[in-house]
Amino acid sequence: MDYTRILICVAIMSIVTYLPRVLPLAIFKKKINNRFIKSFLAYMPYAVLTAMTFPEVLYSTANLASAIGGLVVAMLLSYRGKSLLTVAIGSVITIFILEQIINNII
């Protein structure tokens, strides 16, 4: 591959990465006052993060049952207001115990 092609690829990638960040600043000059748009933009990072991580949560273990068990424990602990470290450790311990039980049964 020659250097000209590499430079063209890098230029295209930089434009594609840069445009979505600059266009909103260039298009929206005034402060956004619409309540719907403000709430939409406020919840967007949570929705994107959930869409990216949730499928991986279910398929990150050897068994779907242990993944669902860890997910349920994590949801219960987080609903009760526990810290992030407590939720993570609780779900990991649950997954470990369920994996051991499933491996010994099969």
Protein backbone atom coordinates (compact mmCIF):
# COMPACT_ATOMS: atom_id res chain seq x y z
CA MET A 1 0.00 0.00 0.00
CA ASP A 2 1.48 3.33 -0.95
CA TYR A 3 1.66 6.38 1.31
CA THR A 4 -0.83 8.37 -0.76
CA ARG A 5 -3.58 5.85 -0.09
CA ILE A 6 -2.75 5.80 3.60
CA LEU A 7 -2.92 9.60 3.80
CA ILE A 8 -6.26 9.63 1.98
CA CYS A 9 -7.64 7.03 4.40
CA VAL A 10 -6.44 9.01 7.41
CA ALA A 11 -7.94 12.22 5.98
CA ILE A 12 -11.32 10.55 5.38
CA MET A 13 -11.34 9.02 8.86
CA SER A 14 -10.51 12.35 10.47
CA ILE A 15 -13.30 14.11 8.55
CA VAL A 16 -15.82 11.41 9.48
CA THR A 17 -14.77 11.68 13.12
CA TYR A 18 -14.63 15.47 13.24
CA LEU A 19 -17.88 16.36 11.42
CA PRO A 20 -20.36 14.89 13.95
CA ARG A 21 -18.65 16.91 16.68
CA VAL A 22 -18.53 20.21 14.82
CA LEU A 23 -21.87 20.20 12.99
CA PRO A 24 -24.07 20.61 16.11
CA LEU A 25 -21.97 23.58 17.18
CA ALA A 26 -22.24 25.13 13.74
CA ILE A 27 -25.96 24.46 13.28
CA PHE A 28 -27.33 25.35 16.72
CA LYS A 29 -26.20 28.89 17.53
CA LYS A 30 -28.86 29.67 20.15
CA LYS A 31 -29.42 27.96 23.46
CA ILE A 32 -31.84 25.01 23.22
CA ASN A 33 -35.01 25.78 25.19
CA ASN A 34 -37.26 22.95 24.02
CA ARG A 35 -37.90 20.58 26.96
CA PHE A 36 -38.25 17.52 24.73
CA ILE A 37 -34.94 18.08 22.94
CA LYS A 38 -33.16 18.85 26.23
CA SER A 39 -34.44 15.65 27.85
CA PHE A 40 -33.63 13.67 24.69
CA LEU A 41 -30.05 14.93 24.73
CA ALA A 42 -29.76 14.37 28.47
CA TYR A 43 -30.72 10.68 28.22
CA MET A 44 -28.85 9.92 25.00
CA PRO A 45 -25.55 8.84 26.65
CA TYR A 46 -27.39 6.35 28.88
CA ALA A 47 -29.30 4.88 25.95
CA VAL A 48 -26.18 4.49 23.83
CA LEU A 49 -24.21 2.95 26.70
CA THR A 50 -27.03 0.51 27.40
CA ALA A 51 -27.34 -0.46 23.74
CA MET A 52 -23.61 -1.13 23.55
CA THR A 53 -23.19 -3.06 26.82
CA PHE A 54 -26.41 -5.01 27.34
CA PRO A 55 -25.88 -7.63 24.59
CA GLU A 56 -22.33 -8.19 25.81
CA VAL A 57 -23.59 -8.78 29.36
CA LEU A 58 -25.69 -11.71 28.21
CA TYR A 59 -23.01 -13.38 26.10
CA SER A 60 -19.88 -12.73 28.17
CA THR A 61 -20.08 -15.95 30.18
CA ALA A 62 -20.01 -19.60 29.18
CA ASN A 63 -23.68 -20.00 30.03
CA LEU A 64 -26.66 -17.75 29.42
CA ALA A 65 -28.18 -18.81 32.76
CA SER A 66 -25.21 -17.54 34.76
CA ALA A 67 -25.21 -14.27 32.81
CA ILE A 68 -28.90 -13.74 33.55
CA GLY A 69 -28.29 -14.56 37.22
CA GLY A 70 -25.48 -12.01 37.42
CA LEU A 71 -27.64 -9.44 35.64
CA VAL A 72 -30.52 -9.99 38.06
CA VAL A 73 -28.23 -9.64 41.09
CA ALA A 74 -26.65 -6.50 39.64
CA MET A 75 -30.07 -4.97 38.98
CA LEU A 76 -31.31 -5.80 42.49
CA LEU A 77 -28.21 -4.40 44.17
CA SER A 78 -28.25 -1.24 42.09
CA TYR A 79 -31.98 -0.77 42.73
CA ARG A 80 -31.27 -0.92 46.45
CA GLY A 81 -28.75 1.90 46.05
CA LYS A 82 -25.53 -0.05 46.55
CA SER A 83 -22.24 1.32 45.25
CA LEU A 84 -20.82 0.42 41.86
CA LEU A 85 -18.10 -1.70 43.46
CA THR A 86 -20.65 -3.66 45.50
CA VAL A 87 -22.81 -4.26 42.43
CA ALA A 88 -19.85 -5.43 40.35
CA ILE A 89 -18.47 -7.75 43.04
CA GLY A 90 -21.93 -9.16 43.80
CA SER A 91 -22.64 -9.95 40.17
CA VAL A 92 -19.19 -11.47 39.60
CA ILE A 93 -19.54 -13.70 42.67
CA THR A 94 -23.02 -14.76 41.54
CA ILE A 95 -21.76 -15.61 38.06
CA PHE A 96 -18.82 -17.57 39.52
CA ILE A 97 -21.09 -19.61 41.82
CA LEU A 98 -23.63 -20.28 39.06
CA GLU A 99 -20.87 -21.33 36.64
CA GLN A 100 -19.51 -23.78 39.24
CA ILE A 101 -22.95 -25.22 39.86
CA ILE A 102 -23.71 -25.55 36.14
CA ASN A 103 -20.32 -27.15 35.39
CA ASN A 104 -20.73 -29.69 38.20
CA ILE A 105 -24.24 -30.64 37.07
CA ILE A 106 -23.28 -31.13 33.43
